[in-house]
Every structure is written in C-alpha cells, then in structure tokens.
Amino acid sequence: MEFTLPTTVALLVGLVVLGTAALIGMGAMATSTVLMMVTPAMLVFGAVSLAIGVKHGEYRAGN
C-alpha cells in the first residue's frame, strides 16, 4: 500500500472517528466533552506525530 497524502489523511481521520465513537459509546465522559475537547486533541496529536514520523522517515532514508 502506498501512503499518499489522501490515504494518510483518511487513515488518520478514520482512527480519530473510531476513537471518538468508542468514547461516546462507552459513556465514560459527557458527549460534549468528547466532541469539544478530546476529538480536537486527538486530531492535533495525530497530525504532530505524523509530521514527526514523516521527517524521521526522510532522515532515515537519507542516511
């Protein structure tokens, strides 16, 4: 599988949607808390981790 930008973004969003649905389904927190605080934090953390991982991969491929 080739990870192009659309594939990577779709996988990231899919994981966040799955995590959000699981948190809402479990009822561990209020739905408003999950949607307003947890979901954006998951997206930001995923994007930062993805960017660091891509840069690390580029570094490893260059050496």
Protein backbone atom coordinates (compact mmCIF):
# COMPACT_ATOMS: atom_id res chain seq x y z
CA MET A 1 0.00 0.00 0.00
CA GLU A 2 1.37 3.36 -0.99
CA PHE A 3 0.74 6.08 1.57
CA THR A 4 -0.17 9.13 -0.45
CA LEU A 5 -1.47 12.25 1.27
CA PRO A 6 -5.18 11.41 0.77
CA THR A 7 -4.67 7.85 2.06
CA THR A 8 -2.76 9.07 5.10
CA VAL A 9 -5.33 11.74 5.96
CA ALA A 10 -8.17 9.24 5.53
CA LEU A 11 -6.49 6.78 7.89
CA LEU A 12 -5.83 9.49 10.49
CA VAL A 13 -9.41 10.76 10.36
CA GLY A 14 -10.73 7.20 10.45
CA LEU A 15 -8.77 6.43 13.61
CA VAL A 16 -10.00 9.60 15.27
CA VAL A 17 -13.61 8.84 14.30
CA LEU A 18 -13.26 5.31 15.66
CA GLY A 19 -11.80 6.59 18.93
CA THR A 20 -14.49 9.26 19.25
CA ALA A 21 -17.26 6.74 18.61
CA ALA A 22 -15.78 4.37 21.19
CA LEU A 23 -15.58 7.11 23.84
CA ILE A 24 -19.14 8.23 23.17
CA GLY A 25 -20.37 4.62 23.14
CA MET A 26 -18.69 3.77 26.44
CA GLY A 27 -20.28 6.72 28.18
CA ALA A 28 -17.10 7.39 30.14
CA MET A 29 -17.48 11.17 29.66
CA ALA A 30 -20.13 13.57 28.52
CA THR A 31 -20.56 13.67 24.75
CA SER A 32 -19.96 17.42 24.66
CA THR A 33 -16.62 16.94 26.43
CA VAL A 34 -15.56 14.29 23.94
CA LEU A 35 -16.55 16.37 20.91
CA MET A 36 -15.21 19.72 22.12
CA MET A 37 -12.01 18.68 23.90
CA VAL A 38 -10.92 15.11 23.24
CA THR A 39 -11.53 14.84 19.49
CA PRO A 40 -9.62 18.04 18.57
CA ALA A 41 -6.78 16.95 20.85
CA MET A 42 -6.64 13.56 19.12
CA LEU A 43 -6.50 15.27 15.71
CA VAL A 44 -3.73 17.67 16.74
CA PHE A 45 -1.68 14.94 18.42
CA GLY A 46 -2.11 12.66 15.39
CA ALA A 47 -1.05 15.40 12.98
CA VAL A 48 2.02 16.31 15.05
CA SER A 49 3.01 12.65 15.42
CA LEU A 50 2.52 12.13 11.69
CA ALA A 51 4.71 15.11 10.84
CA ILE A 52 7.47 13.94 13.19
CA GLY A 53 7.24 10.42 11.78
CA VAL A 54 7.48 11.63 8.20
CA LYS A 55 10.51 13.79 8.98
CA HIS A 56 12.16 10.91 10.81
CA GLY A 57 11.49 8.63 7.86
CA GLU A 58 13.04 11.15 5.50
CA TYR A 59 16.09 11.36 7.75
CA ARG A 60 16.43 7.59 7.89
CA ALA A 61 16.05 7.26 4.13
CA GLY A 62 18.75 9.85 3.56
CA ASN A 63 21.38 8.16 5.73
